[in-house]
Amino acid sequence: MIAAHEVTDLLVRWGEGDRVVLTTLTPLVYAELRRLAARALSRERPDHTLQPTALVHEAFLRLHGGRPSSCHDRLHFLSLAARLMRCILVDHARSRKAVRRGAGALKLPLDGIGERAAEASPVDLLDLDAALSELSAADARKARVVELRFFGGLSVEETADVLGVSMPTVILDTRLARAFLFDRLVPGSGGSGRAS
């Protein structure tokens, strides 16, 4: 079993441009990334064409092919992976929607975003991505909190560590982001309610 500090060392080396270490790192973080992928896909429709393994492999392809990001530790790496998985899912939804011209658009339940939202019907992933982009323009940290917690499955404590803020700040940001997204995504909630 490899020690946590050794994983951190590999991540730092990868962030500094040593692409060879990604091969060593992959088996060490694969199970955790597959758990994140399964969590992200559990909110998708049952007949989704991407499976957790395919989502992880696509994320690794993008990690391997892209410019390395500076990773200070495991949580920063998981944050990067959560963002990549979100991008992959959104890209997949866009291509699917383009092919079908909107028929059967990818839907995603809002549980995990807000208590009130759990009773609402699922929203389109592209609408969620647009709402998160709008939130990011207004308050980037709140959008990152949602991304880390919803797509990345990080706990309040882990999210606080990644963002360098206190746990009460993450809790408050989560509540405010939930309200913002609920207003943007749920018809009749008082916001634009773009969800179809």
N, C-alpha and C. Protein backbone atom coordinates (compact mmCIF):
# COMPACT_ATOMS: atom_id res chain seq x y z
N MET A 1 0.84 -1.19 0.00
CA MET A 1 0.00 0.00 0.00
C MET A 1 0.89 1.25 0.00
N ILE A 2 0.59 2.17 -0.87
CA ILE A 2 1.38 3.39 -0.99
C ILE A 2 0.86 4.44 -0.01
N ALA A 3 1.74 5.20 0.58
CA ALA A 3 1.38 6.21 1.56
C ALA A 3 0.78 7.44 0.86
N ALA A 4 -0.05 8.16 1.61
CA ALA A 4 -0.72 9.35 1.06
C ALA A 4 0.29 10.39 0.59
N HIS A 5 1.40 10.55 1.32
CA HIS A 5 2.39 11.55 0.91
C HIS A 5 3.06 11.17 -0.40
N GLU A 6 3.16 9.85 -0.68
CA GLU A 6 3.73 9.43 -1.96
C GLU A 6 2.80 9.77 -3.12
N VAL A 7 1.48 9.63 -2.90
CA VAL A 7 0.49 10.03 -3.91
C VAL A 7 0.60 11.53 -4.14
N THR A 8 0.71 12.29 -3.06
CA THR A 8 0.86 13.75 -3.17
C THR A 8 2.11 14.10 -3.96
N ASP A 9 3.22 13.42 -3.68
CA ASP A 9 4.46 13.66 -4.42
C ASP A 9 4.28 13.41 -5.92
N LEU A 10 3.59 12.31 -6.25
CA LEU A 10 3.32 12.00 -7.66
C LEU A 10 2.46 13.09 -8.30
N LEU A 11 1.44 13.55 -7.57
CA LEU A 11 0.56 14.60 -8.08
C LEU A 11 1.33 15.89 -8.34
N VAL A 12 2.21 16.24 -7.43
CA VAL A 12 3.02 17.45 -7.59
C VAL A 12 3.93 17.30 -8.80
N ARG A 13 4.55 16.14 -8.95
CA ARG A 13 5.42 15.91 -10.11
C ARG A 13 4.63 15.98 -11.41
N TRP A 14 3.43 15.43 -11.41
CA TRP A 14 2.58 15.50 -12.60
C TRP A 14 2.23 16.96 -12.91
N GLY A 15 1.88 17.72 -11.86
CA GLY A 15 1.56 19.13 -12.04
C GLY A 15 2.73 19.94 -12.56
N GLU A 16 3.94 19.48 -12.29
CA GLU A 16 5.14 20.16 -12.78
C GLU A 16 5.50 19.74 -14.20
N GLY A 17 4.70 18.85 -14.78
CA GLY A 17 4.91 18.48 -16.18
C GLY A 17 5.46 17.09 -16.42
N ASP A 18 5.68 16.30 -15.39
CA ASP A 18 6.18 14.94 -15.54
C ASP A 18 5.01 14.02 -15.89
N ARG A 19 4.78 13.81 -17.18
CA ARG A 19 3.63 13.02 -17.64
C ARG A 19 3.77 11.53 -17.33
N VAL A 20 4.99 11.06 -17.16
CA VAL A 20 5.23 9.64 -16.89
C VAL A 20 4.58 9.21 -15.58
N VAL A 21 4.53 10.11 -14.60
CA VAL A 21 3.98 9.73 -13.29
C VAL A 21 2.48 9.46 -13.35
N LEU A 22 1.79 9.97 -14.39
CA LEU A 22 0.36 9.70 -14.51
C LEU A 22 0.11 8.20 -14.64
N THR A 23 1.03 7.49 -15.29
CA THR A 23 0.92 6.04 -15.43
C THR A 23 1.03 5.37 -14.06
N THR A 24 1.91 5.86 -13.22
CA THR A 24 2.06 5.32 -11.87
C THR A 24 0.88 5.73 -10.99
N LEU A 25 0.39 6.93 -11.19
CA LEU A 25 -0.69 7.49 -10.37
C LEU A 25 -2.04 6.85 -10.66
N THR A 26 -2.28 6.50 -11.91
CA THR A 26 -3.59 6.00 -12.34
C THR A 26 -4.12 4.87 -11.46
N PRO A 27 -3.38 3.78 -11.26
CA PRO A 27 -3.96 2.71 -10.43
C PRO A 27 -4.18 3.10 -8.97
N LEU A 28 -3.47 4.13 -8.52
CA LEU A 28 -3.58 4.55 -7.13
C LEU A 28 -4.85 5.36 -6.86
N VAL A 29 -5.36 6.04 -7.88
CA VAL A 29 -6.54 6.88 -7.70
C VAL A 29 -7.75 6.37 -8.49
N TYR A 30 -7.56 5.28 -9.23
CA TYR A 30 -8.62 4.78 -10.11
C TYR A 30 -9.91 4.47 -9.36
N ALA A 31 -9.81 3.75 -8.27
CA ALA A 31 -11.02 3.35 -7.53
C ALA A 31 -11.79 4.57 -7.03
N GLU A 32 -11.07 5.57 -6.57
CA GLU A 32 -11.74 6.77 -6.08
C GLU A 32 -12.40 7.54 -7.22
N LEU A 33 -11.73 7.62 -8.36
CA LEU A 33 -12.32 8.29 -9.51
C LEU A 33 -13.53 7.52 -10.04
N ARG A 34 -13.47 6.21 -10.00
CA ARG A 34 -14.61 5.41 -10.45
C ARG A 34 -15.80 5.65 -9.52
N ARG A 35 -15.54 5.82 -8.22
CA ARG A 35 -16.61 6.13 -7.27
C ARG A 35 -17.23 7.49 -7.60
N LEU A 36 -16.39 8.48 -7.93
CA LEU A 36 -16.90 9.80 -8.32
C LEU A 36 -17.74 9.71 -9.59
N ALA A 37 -17.25 8.92 -10.55
CA ALA A 37 -17.97 8.75 -11.82
C ALA A 37 -19.32 8.06 -11.59
N ALA A 38 -19.32 7.04 -10.75
CA ALA A 38 -20.57 6.34 -10.46
C ALA A 38 -21.56 7.28 -9.78
N ARG A 39 -21.06 8.11 -8.89
CA ARG A 39 -21.93 9.08 -8.22
C ARG A 39 -22.50 10.09 -9.22
N ALA A 40 -21.65 10.60 -10.11
CA ALA A 40 -22.11 11.56 -11.11
C ALA A 40 -23.15 10.93 -12.03
N LEU A 41 -22.92 9.69 -12.43
CA LEU A 41 -23.83 9.03 -13.35
C LEU A 41 -25.09 8.52 -12.67
N SER A 42 -25.06 8.38 -11.35
CA SER A 42 -26.26 7.90 -10.65
C SER A 42 -27.39 8.92 -10.74
N ARG A 43 -27.05 10.15 -11.05
CA ARG A 43 -28.06 11.20 -11.18
C ARG A 43 -28.57 11.33 -12.61
N GLU A 44 -27.99 10.56 -13.51
CA GLU A 44 -28.38 10.61 -14.91
C GLU A 44 -29.56 9.67 -15.15
N ARG A 45 -30.10 9.74 -16.34
CA ARG A 45 -31.20 8.85 -16.69
C ARG A 45 -30.69 7.41 -16.73
N PRO A 46 -31.55 6.42 -16.48
CA PRO A 46 -31.11 5.02 -16.38
C PRO A 46 -30.48 4.47 -17.66
N ASP A 47 -30.89 4.96 -18.82
CA ASP A 47 -30.35 4.43 -20.08
C ASP A 47 -29.18 5.25 -20.62
N HIS A 48 -28.50 5.97 -19.74
CA HIS A 48 -27.37 6.80 -20.16
C HIS A 48 -26.34 5.91 -20.84
N THR A 49 -25.77 6.39 -21.95
CA THR A 49 -24.83 5.57 -22.71
C THR A 49 -23.42 5.55 -22.12
N LEU A 50 -23.10 6.49 -21.26
CA LEU A 50 -21.80 6.45 -20.58
C LEU A 50 -21.91 5.62 -19.30
N GLN A 51 -20.92 4.82 -19.06
CA GLN A 51 -20.82 4.04 -17.83
C GLN A 51 -19.68 4.64 -16.99
N PRO A 52 -19.67 4.38 -15.68
CA PRO A 52 -18.60 4.95 -14.84
C PRO A 52 -17.20 4.68 -15.36
N THR A 53 -16.94 3.47 -15.81
CA THR A 53 -15.61 3.13 -16.31
C THR A 53 -15.26 3.99 -17.52
N ALA A 54 -16.19 4.15 -18.44
CA ALA A 54 -15.95 4.98 -19.63
C ALA A 54 -15.71 6.44 -19.24
N LEU A 55 -16.47 6.93 -18.25
CA LEU A 55 -16.29 8.31 -17.80
C LEU A 55 -14.90 8.51 -17.19
N VAL A 56 -14.45 7.55 -16.38
CA VAL A 56 -13.11 7.64 -15.79
C VAL A 56 -12.04 7.58 -16.89
N HIS A 57 -12.22 6.68 -17.85
CA HIS A 57 -11.23 6.56 -18.92
C HIS A 57 -11.16 7.83 -19.75
N GLU A 58 -12.31 8.42 -20.05
CA GLU A 58 -12.32 9.69 -20.78
C GLU A 58 -11.62 10.79 -19.98
N ALA A 59 -11.87 10.81 -18.67
CA ALA A 59 -11.20 11.80 -17.81
C ALA A 59 -9.69 11.60 -17.85
N PHE A 60 -9.24 10.34 -17.78
CA PHE A 60 -7.80 10.08 -17.83
C PHE A 60 -7.20 10.45 -19.18
N LEU A 61 -7.95 10.21 -20.26
CA LEU A 61 -7.46 10.62 -21.58
C LEU A 61 -7.27 12.13 -21.63
N ARG A 62 -8.22 12.86 -21.08
CA ARG A 62 -8.10 14.32 -21.07
C ARG A 62 -6.97 14.78 -20.15
N LEU A 63 -6.81 14.09 -19.02
CA LEU A 63 -5.71 14.43 -18.11
C LEU A 63 -4.37 14.18 -18.80
N HIS A 64 -4.27 13.05 -19.47
CA HIS A 64 -3.01 12.67 -20.11
C HIS A 64 -2.70 13.55 -21.32
N GLY A 65 -3.73 13.94 -22.05
CA GLY A 65 -3.53 14.71 -23.26
C GLY A 65 -3.45 16.21 -23.04
N GLY A 66 -3.98 16.67 -21.92
CA GLY A 66 -4.02 18.10 -21.65
C GLY A 66 -2.79 18.61 -20.93
N ARG A 67 -2.80 19.90 -20.68
CA ARG A 67 -1.73 20.53 -19.92
C ARG A 67 -1.90 20.16 -18.45
N PRO A 68 -0.87 19.65 -17.80
CA PRO A 68 -1.01 19.29 -16.39
C PRO A 68 -1.39 20.49 -15.53
N SER A 69 -2.25 20.26 -14.59
CA SER A 69 -2.62 21.30 -13.63
C SER A 69 -1.78 21.13 -12.38
N SER A 70 -1.59 22.23 -11.69
CA SER A 70 -0.84 22.09 -10.45
C SER A 70 -1.76 21.45 -9.41
N CYS A 71 -1.32 20.34 -8.91
CA CYS A 71 -2.07 19.60 -7.89
C CYS A 71 -1.22 19.57 -6.63
N HIS A 72 -1.80 20.10 -5.57
CA HIS A 72 -1.06 20.14 -4.31
C HIS A 72 -1.24 18.85 -3.52
N ASP A 73 -2.38 18.19 -3.72
CA ASP A 73 -2.66 16.98 -2.97
C ASP A 73 -3.83 16.25 -3.60
N ARG A 74 -4.26 15.19 -2.96
CA ARG A 74 -5.34 14.34 -3.44
C ARG A 74 -6.63 15.12 -3.68
N LEU A 75 -6.97 16.03 -2.76
CA LEU A 75 -8.22 16.78 -2.90
C LEU A 75 -8.20 17.70 -4.11
N HIS A 76 -7.06 18.32 -4.38
CA HIS A 76 -6.97 19.16 -5.58
C HIS A 76 -7.11 18.31 -6.84
N PHE A 77 -6.53 17.12 -6.81
CA PHE A 77 -6.66 16.22 -7.96
C PHE A 77 -8.12 15.81 -8.15
N LEU A 78 -8.81 15.48 -7.06
CA LEU A 78 -10.23 15.10 -7.16
C LEU A 78 -11.06 16.28 -7.64
N SER A 79 -10.70 17.48 -7.24
CA SER A 79 -11.38 18.67 -7.72
C SER A 79 -11.23 18.80 -9.23
N LEU A 80 -10.02 18.61 -9.73
CA LEU A 80 -9.77 18.65 -11.16
C LEU A 80 -10.57 17.55 -11.87
N ALA A 81 -10.57 16.36 -11.31
CA ALA A 81 -11.31 15.24 -11.90
C ALA A 81 -12.81 15.52 -11.93
N ALA A 82 -13.34 16.12 -10.87
CA ALA A 82 -14.77 16.45 -10.83
C ALA A 82 -15.11 17.44 -11.94
N ARG A 83 -14.26 18.43 -12.13
CA ARG A 83 -14.49 19.41 -13.20
C ARG A 83 -14.43 18.75 -14.57
N LEU A 84 -13.46 17.86 -14.77
CA LEU A 84 -13.36 17.15 -16.05
C LEU A 84 -14.59 16.28 -16.30
N MET A 85 -15.05 15.59 -15.27
CA MET A 85 -16.23 14.73 -15.44
C MET A 85 -17.46 15.56 -15.78
N ARG A 86 -17.58 16.71 -15.14
CA ARG A 86 -18.69 17.60 -15.48
C ARG A 86 -18.61 18.01 -16.95
N CYS A 87 -17.41 18.39 -17.40
CA CYS A 87 -17.24 18.79 -18.79
C CYS A 87 -17.55 17.64 -19.75
N ILE A 88 -17.12 16.45 -19.41
CA ILE A 88 -17.39 15.29 -20.25
C ILE A 88 -18.88 15.02 -20.34
N LEU A 89 -19.57 15.06 -19.21
CA LEU A 89 -21.02 14.83 -19.20
C LEU A 89 -21.75 15.91 -20.00
N VAL A 90 -21.32 17.15 -19.86
CA VAL A 90 -21.96 18.25 -20.61
C VAL A 90 -21.68 18.08 -22.11
N ASP A 91 -20.44 17.75 -22.47
CA ASP A 91 -20.12 17.52 -23.88
C ASP A 91 -20.96 16.38 -24.45
N HIS A 92 -21.10 15.32 -23.67
CA HIS A 92 -21.91 14.17 -24.09
C HIS A 92 -23.36 14.59 -24.28
N ALA A 93 -23.89 15.38 -23.36
CA ALA A 93 -25.27 15.85 -23.47
C ALA A 93 -25.46 16.74 -24.68
N ARG A 94 -24.49 17.60 -24.93
CA ARG A 94 -24.57 18.49 -26.11
C ARG A 94 -24.59 17.69 -27.41
N SER A 95 -23.70 16.71 -27.51
CA SER A 95 -23.66 15.93 -28.74
C SER A 95 -24.93 15.10 -28.90
N ARG A 96 -25.44 14.58 -27.81
CA ARG A 96 -26.67 13.79 -27.87
C ARG A 96 -27.85 14.69 -28.26
N LYS A 97 -27.90 15.87 -27.68
CA LYS A 97 -28.99 16.80 -27.98
C LYS A 97 -28.91 17.28 -29.42
N ALA A 98 -27.68 17.50 -29.91
CA ALA A 98 -27.52 17.92 -31.29
C ALA A 98 -28.01 16.84 -32.26
N VAL A 99 -27.72 15.60 -31.93
CA VAL A 99 -28.15 14.49 -32.78
C VAL A 99 -29.67 14.36 -32.76
N ARG A 100 -30.24 14.45 -31.59
CA ARG A 100 -31.68 14.25 -31.46
C ARG A 100 -32.49 15.54 -31.56
N ARG A 101 -31.79 16.66 -31.68
CA ARG A 101 -32.44 17.97 -31.75
C ARG A 101 -33.39 18.19 -30.57
N GLY A 102 -32.89 17.79 -29.40
CA GLY A 102 -33.65 18.07 -28.18
C GLY A 102 -34.52 16.94 -27.70
N ALA A 103 -34.79 15.97 -28.52
CA ALA A 103 -35.64 14.87 -28.08
C ALA A 103 -34.90 14.03 -27.05
N GLY A 104 -35.52 13.74 -25.97
CA GLY A 104 -34.90 12.93 -24.93
C GLY A 104 -33.69 13.58 -24.30
N ALA A 105 -33.72 14.90 -24.14
CA ALA A 105 -32.58 15.62 -23.57
C ALA A 105 -32.20 15.03 -22.22
N LEU A 106 -30.91 15.03 -21.95
CA LEU A 106 -30.39 14.46 -20.72
C LEU A 106 -31.01 15.15 -19.51
N LYS A 107 -31.57 14.38 -18.60
CA LYS A 107 -32.20 14.93 -17.40
C LYS A 107 -31.41 14.49 -16.17
N LEU A 108 -31.45 15.33 -15.18
CA LEU A 108 -30.66 15.12 -13.98
C LEU A 108 -31.49 15.55 -12.78
N PRO A 109 -31.65 14.68 -11.76
CA PRO A 109 -32.44 15.10 -10.60
C PRO A 109 -31.71 16.18 -9.81
N LEU A 110 -32.47 17.05 -9.21
CA LEU A 110 -31.88 18.14 -8.45
C LEU A 110 -31.58 17.76 -7.00
N ASP A 111 -31.88 16.53 -6.59
CA ASP A 111 -31.53 16.18 -5.21
C ASP A 111 -30.02 16.29 -5.11
N GLY A 112 -29.55 16.71 -4.02
CA GLY A 112 -28.14 16.99 -3.89
C GLY A 112 -27.83 18.45 -4.14
N ILE A 113 -28.74 19.15 -4.80
CA ILE A 113 -28.58 20.59 -4.97
C ILE A 113 -29.42 21.31 -3.94
N GLY A 114 -30.58 20.80 -3.65
CA GLY A 114 -31.42 21.49 -2.68
C GLY A 114 -32.52 20.62 -2.15
N GLU A 115 -32.92 20.89 -0.93
CA GLU A 115 -33.99 20.11 -0.31
C GLU A 115 -35.29 20.29 -1.07
N ARG A 116 -35.63 21.54 -1.42
CA ARG A 116 -36.86 21.80 -2.16
C ARG A 116 -36.81 21.15 -3.53
N ALA A 117 -35.63 21.05 -4.09
CA ALA A 117 -35.49 20.54 -5.44
C ALA A 117 -35.74 19.05 -5.54
N ALA A 118 -35.58 18.33 -4.45
CA ALA A 118 -35.76 16.89 -4.49
C ALA A 118 -37.17 16.52 -4.93
N GLU A 119 -38.14 17.41 -4.68
CA GLU A 119 -39.51 17.13 -5.08
C GLU A 119 -39.76 17.55 -6.51
N ALA A 120 -38.86 18.30 -7.11
CA ALA A 120 -39.05 18.80 -8.47
C ALA A 120 -38.62 17.73 -9.47
N SER A 121 -39.07 17.90 -10.69
CA SER A 121 -38.68 16.96 -11.74
C SER A 121 -37.22 17.20 -12.11
N PRO A 122 -36.58 16.21 -12.73
CA PRO A 122 -35.19 16.38 -13.14
C PRO A 122 -35.02 17.53 -14.11
N VAL A 123 -33.81 18.07 -14.14
CA VAL A 123 -33.51 19.17 -15.05
C VAL A 123 -32.54 18.69 -16.11
N ASP A 124 -32.50 19.39 -17.20
CA ASP A 124 -31.59 19.10 -18.28
C ASP A 124 -30.17 19.46 -17.83
N LEU A 125 -29.21 18.57 -18.10
CA LEU A 125 -27.83 18.81 -17.70
C LEU A 125 -27.27 20.06 -18.35
N LEU A 126 -27.70 20.35 -19.57
CA LEU A 126 -27.24 21.56 -20.23
C LEU A 126 -27.78 22.81 -19.54
N ASP A 127 -29.03 22.74 -19.04
CA ASP A 127 -29.58 23.86 -18.27
C ASP A 127 -28.81 24.03 -16.97
N LEU A 128 -28.46 22.91 -16.33
CA LEU A 128 -27.69 22.98 -15.09
C LEU A 128 -26.32 23.59 -15.37
N ASP A 129 -25.68 23.19 -16.46
CA ASP A 129 -24.38 23.74 -16.81
C ASP A 129 -24.49 25.25 -17.06
N ALA A 130 -25.54 25.67 -17.76
CA ALA A 130 -25.74 27.11 -18.02
C ALA A 130 -25.97 27.86 -16.71
N ALA A 131 -26.77 27.27 -15.82
CA ALA A 131 -27.03 27.92 -14.53
C ALA A 131 -25.75 28.00 -13.70
N LEU A 132 -24.93 26.94 -13.74
CA LEU A 132 -23.66 26.97 -13.01
C LEU A 132 -22.71 28.01 -13.61
N SER A 133 -22.73 28.16 -14.92
CA SER A 133 -21.91 29.20 -15.55
C SER A 133 -22.37 30.59 -15.13
N GLU A 134 -23.69 30.77 -15.06
CA GLU A 134 -24.25 32.05 -14.60
C GLU A 134 -23.87 32.30 -13.15
N LEU A 135 -23.96 31.25 -12.31
CA LEU A 135 -23.56 31.39 -10.91
C LEU A 135 -22.07 31.70 -10.81
N SER A 136 -21.27 31.06 -11.64
CA SER A 136 -19.83 31.29 -11.61
C SER A 136 -19.49 32.74 -11.96
N ALA A 137 -20.24 33.31 -12.90
CA ALA A 137 -20.01 34.72 -13.26
C ALA A 137 -20.36 35.64 -12.09
N ALA A 138 -21.39 35.26 -11.33
CA ALA A 138 -21.82 36.08 -10.19
C ALA A 138 -20.95 35.81 -8.96
N ASP A 139 -20.60 34.54 -8.73
CA ASP A 139 -19.82 34.15 -7.55
C ASP A 139 -19.13 32.82 -7.84
N ALA A 140 -17.90 32.91 -8.28
CA ALA A 140 -17.15 31.72 -8.71
C ALA A 140 -16.99 30.69 -7.59
N ARG A 141 -16.79 31.14 -6.37
CA ARG A 141 -16.60 30.19 -5.28
C ARG A 141 -17.83 29.34 -5.05
N LYS A 142 -19.01 29.95 -5.09
CA LYS A 142 -20.24 29.18 -4.88
C LYS A 142 -20.42 28.13 -5.98
N ALA A 143 -20.07 28.49 -7.21
CA ALA A 143 -20.15 27.53 -8.30
C ALA A 143 -19.16 26.38 -8.09
N ARG A 144 -17.98 26.69 -7.60
CA ARG A 144 -16.99 25.63 -7.31
C ARG A 144 -17.47 24.72 -6.19
N VAL A 145 -18.13 25.30 -5.19
CA VAL A 145 -18.67 24.49 -4.10
C VAL A 145 -19.65 23.47 -4.66
N VAL A 146 -20.56 23.92 -5.52
CA VAL A 146 -21.52 22.99 -6.12
C VAL A 146 -20.79 21.93 -6.94
N GLU A 147 -19.84 22.35 -7.73
CA GLU A 147 -19.10 21.42 -8.57
C GLU A 147 -18.39 20.36 -7.73
N LEU A 148 -17.72 20.81 -6.67
CA LEU A 148 -16.97 19.88 -5.82
C LEU A 148 -17.89 18.94 -5.06
N ARG A 149 -18.98 19.47 -4.55
CA ARG A 149 -19.88 18.64 -3.73
C ARG A 149 -20.79 17.79 -4.60
N PHE A 150 -21.36 18.36 -5.66
CA PHE A 150 -22.35 17.65 -6.47
C PHE A 150 -21.68 16.71 -7.47
N PHE A 151 -20.71 17.21 -8.23
CA PHE A 151 -20.06 16.38 -9.23
C PHE A 151 -18.90 15.59 -8.64
N GLY A 152 -18.20 16.19 -7.68
CA GLY A 152 -17.04 15.54 -7.12
C GLY A 152 -17.31 14.67 -5.91
N GLY A 153 -18.46 14.85 -5.28
CA GLY A 153 -18.79 14.04 -4.12
C GLY A 153 -17.95 14.35 -2.90
N LEU A 154 -17.30 15.52 -2.87
CA LEU A 154 -16.47 15.86 -1.72
C LEU A 154 -17.35 16.28 -0.55
N SER A 155 -16.87 16.02 0.63
CA SER A 155 -17.57 16.40 1.85
C SER A 155 -17.40 17.91 2.08
N VAL A 156 -18.12 18.43 3.07
CA VAL A 156 -17.98 19.84 3.43
C VAL A 156 -16.53 20.12 3.83
N GLU A 157 -15.96 19.23 4.63
CA GLU A 157 -14.59 19.43 5.10
C GLU A 157 -13.59 19.39 3.94
N GLU A 158 -13.75 18.41 3.04
CA GLU A 158 -12.85 18.32 1.89
C GLU A 158 -12.98 19.54 0.98
N THR A 159 -14.21 19.99 0.77
CA THR A 159 -14.45 21.17 -0.06
C THR A 159 -13.79 22.40 0.56
N ALA A 160 -13.93 22.54 1.88
CA ALA A 160 -13.29 23.66 2.58
C ALA A 160 -11.77 23.61 2.41
N ASP A 161 -11.19 22.41 2.50
CA ASP A 161 -9.74 22.26 2.32
C ASP A 161 -9.30 22.66 0.91
N VAL A 162 -10.04 22.20 -0.10
CA VAL A 162 -9.69 22.52 -1.48
C VAL A 162 -9.75 24.02 -1.73
N LEU A 163 -10.81 24.66 -1.23
CA LEU A 163 -11.02 26.08 -1.50
C LEU A 163 -10.31 27.00 -0.51
N GLY A 164 -9.79 26.44 0.57
CA GLY A 164 -9.08 27.26 1.55
C GLY A 164 -10.00 28.17 2.35
N VAL A 165 -11.22 27.67 2.63
CA VAL A 165 -12.19 28.44 3.41
C VAL A 165 -12.65 27.58 4.58
N SER A 166 -13.44 28.17 5.45
CA SER A 166 -13.93 27.43 6.61
C SER A 166 -15.12 26.55 6.23
N MET A 167 -15.42 25.57 7.06
CA MET A 167 -16.57 24.70 6.82
C MET A 167 -17.88 25.49 6.88
N PRO A 168 -18.06 26.42 7.83
CA PRO A 168 -19.30 27.22 7.80
C PRO A 168 -19.47 28.01 6.50
N THR A 169 -18.36 28.47 5.92
CA THR A 169 -18.44 29.17 4.64
C THR A 169 -18.95 28.24 3.54
N VAL A 170 -18.45 27.00 3.52
CA VAL A 170 -18.90 26.02 2.52
C VAL A 170 -20.39 25.73 2.71
N ILE A 171 -20.83 25.59 3.96
CA ILE A 171 -22.24 25.30 4.24
C ILE A 171 -23.12 26.47 3.75
N LEU A 172 -22.69 27.69 4.05
CA LEU A 172 -23.46 28.86 3.62
C LEU A 172 -23.45 28.98 2.09
N ASP A 173 -22.28 28.80 1.47
CA ASP A 173 -22.19 28.85 0.01
C ASP A 173 -23.09 27.79 -0.62
N THR A 174 -23.13 26.61 -0.03
CA THR A 174 -23.98 25.54 -0.55
C THR A 174 -25.44 25.94 -0.52
N ARG A 175 -25.86 26.49 0.60
CA ARG A 175 -27.27 26.92 0.73
C ARG A 175 -27.62 28.01 -0.27
N LEU A 176 -26.75 29.01 -0.41
CA LEU A 176 -27.01 30.10 -1.33
C LEU A 176 -26.98 29.62 -2.78
N ALA A 177 -26.04 28.75 -3.10
CA ALA A 177 -25.95 28.20 -4.46
C ALA A 177 -27.18 27.36 -4.78
N ARG A 178 -27.63 26.57 -3.81
CA ARG A 178 -28.85 25.76 -4.01
C ARG A 178 -30.04 26.66 -4.34
N ALA A 179 -30.19 27.73 -3.60
CA ALA A 179 -31.30 28.65 -3.83
C ALA A 179 -31.19 29.27 -5.22
N PHE A 180 -29.98 29.69 -5.59
CA PHE A 180 -29.76 30.29 -6.91
C PHE A 180 -30.13 29.30 -8.00
N LEU A 181 -29.62 28.07 -7.91
CA LEU A 181 -29.88 27.06 -8.94
C LEU A 181 -31.35 26.66 -8.98
N PHE A 182 -31.95 26.53 -7.82
CA PHE A 182 -33.37 26.19 -7.77
C PHE A 182 -34.19 27.26 -8.49
N ASP A 183 -33.89 28.52 -8.23
CA ASP A 183 -34.61 29.61 -8.89
C ASP A 183 -34.40 29.61 -10.40
N ARG A 184 -33.21 29.22 -10.84
CA ARG A 184 -32.92 29.22 -12.28
C ARG A 184 -33.47 27.99 -12.99
N LEU A 185 -33.61 26.88 -12.29
CA LEU A 185 -33.89 25.61 -12.96
C LEU A 185 -35.30 25.07 -12.80
N VAL A 186 -36.01 25.53 -11.78
CA VAL A 186 -37.33 24.96 -11.51
C VAL A 186 -38.42 25.94 -11.93
N PRO A 187 -39.24 25.54 -12.91
CA PRO A 187 -40.32 26.44 -13.35
C PRO A 187 -41.25 26.79 -12.19
N GLY A 188 -41.67 28.04 -12.16
CA GLY A 188 -42.60 28.48 -11.12
C GLY A 188 -41.96 28.78 -9.78
N SER A 189 -40.61 28.75 -9.71
CA SER A 189 -39.94 28.99 -8.44
C SER A 189 -39.66 30.47 -8.21
N GLY A 190 -39.98 31.28 -9.18
CA GLY A 190 -39.70 32.71 -9.05
C GLY A 190 -38.53 33.14 -9.90
N GLY A 191 -37.70 32.19 -10.35
CA GLY A 191 -36.58 32.51 -11.22
C GLY A 191 -36.97 32.32 -12.66
N SER A 192 -35.98 32.17 -13.52
CA SER A 192 -36.26 32.02 -14.95
C SER A 192 -36.83 30.65 -15.27
N GLY A 193 -36.51 29.63 -14.44
CA GLY A 193 -37.07 28.30 -14.61
C GLY A 193 -36.93 27.75 -16.01
N ARG A 194 -35.66 27.65 -16.45
CA ARG A 194 -35.43 27.20 -17.82
C ARG A 194 -35.62 25.71 -18.00
N ALA A 195 -35.68 24.96 -16.91
CA ALA A 195 -35.80 23.51 -17.04
C ALA A 195 -37.05 23.17 -17.82
N SER A 196 -36.93 22.14 -18.67
CA SER A 196 -38.08 21.75 -19.48
C SER A 196 -38.74 20.52 -18.95
